[in-house]
């Protein structure tokens, strides 16, 4: 059973519960590579969205760049199994208020996330790039328009990768730490090659799919993650879903109880 303390409940009420009422839903990437249809819902109420930079810390001049990890495959689905660390990775799209709530909840638990942002989302909400980076989280590339990149022509797929990379560099000084293909858990050989040419030594996949984009309820999201997560796991989650907002505090509390630390994907592989 997941145990939630009184302090945790207060954190949930402040950082997440007010957001459960709604939020624009982002398109998800299933383990089979098929996405559900997006749906719009009323904007969520604002959570504590104070970024660390706004509290007085200096914003870095440039975000971290991609790294090559010796001994790791071109497409990484998990990290070392003998370390008590996991990476919670989020497909970056949807209502920014919900995204800020998730980031704040993670920070209150001492956790750091990895956000793979959609370029079109950053065009609409450019402030989110610095919010993510300044919070100590990884920020990466999830293509420009979140289309089926593996099925595109070489020229179209290249544009999906490089257009998002260009936006990340303009907003943060870096192309981001990771690339993840859109609408698929792994990249095709062509997309893998294009990502490497754009400056990403590895493609970040995952070994635990929360299925939160199917809106199964917060309890189902929590159960799916906690039933499958283990040391080294990379978990796929999404911004823009109320179930995810409601589930995250319980997931983080149980990970802490098990001695598993939620770190960025870069920290997981380091």
Foldseek 3Di string as FASTA:
>chain_A
DQDADPVLVVLLVQQFPQFLVFWFADWDADQALATDDTDHDDGGDAHPLDFPVNVPDPQDQFFDEADDFPPADQADAWFDQPDQAEAEEAAAAIRVRQVSSLLVLQVVLVAAHAYAYAQCRCVVVVVVLSSNRSSVHFYAHAFHHLDQLQPDDLVVNLCRQQVQQVSSCVSGVYSTHAYEYHSYQHHDPSSSVSNVVSPHSHHYGWDAELPCSVVPALVSSLCSCVVPDGQGGYYYHYGGHSSCSSNVSSNSSVSVVVVHGHYYPVVRHD
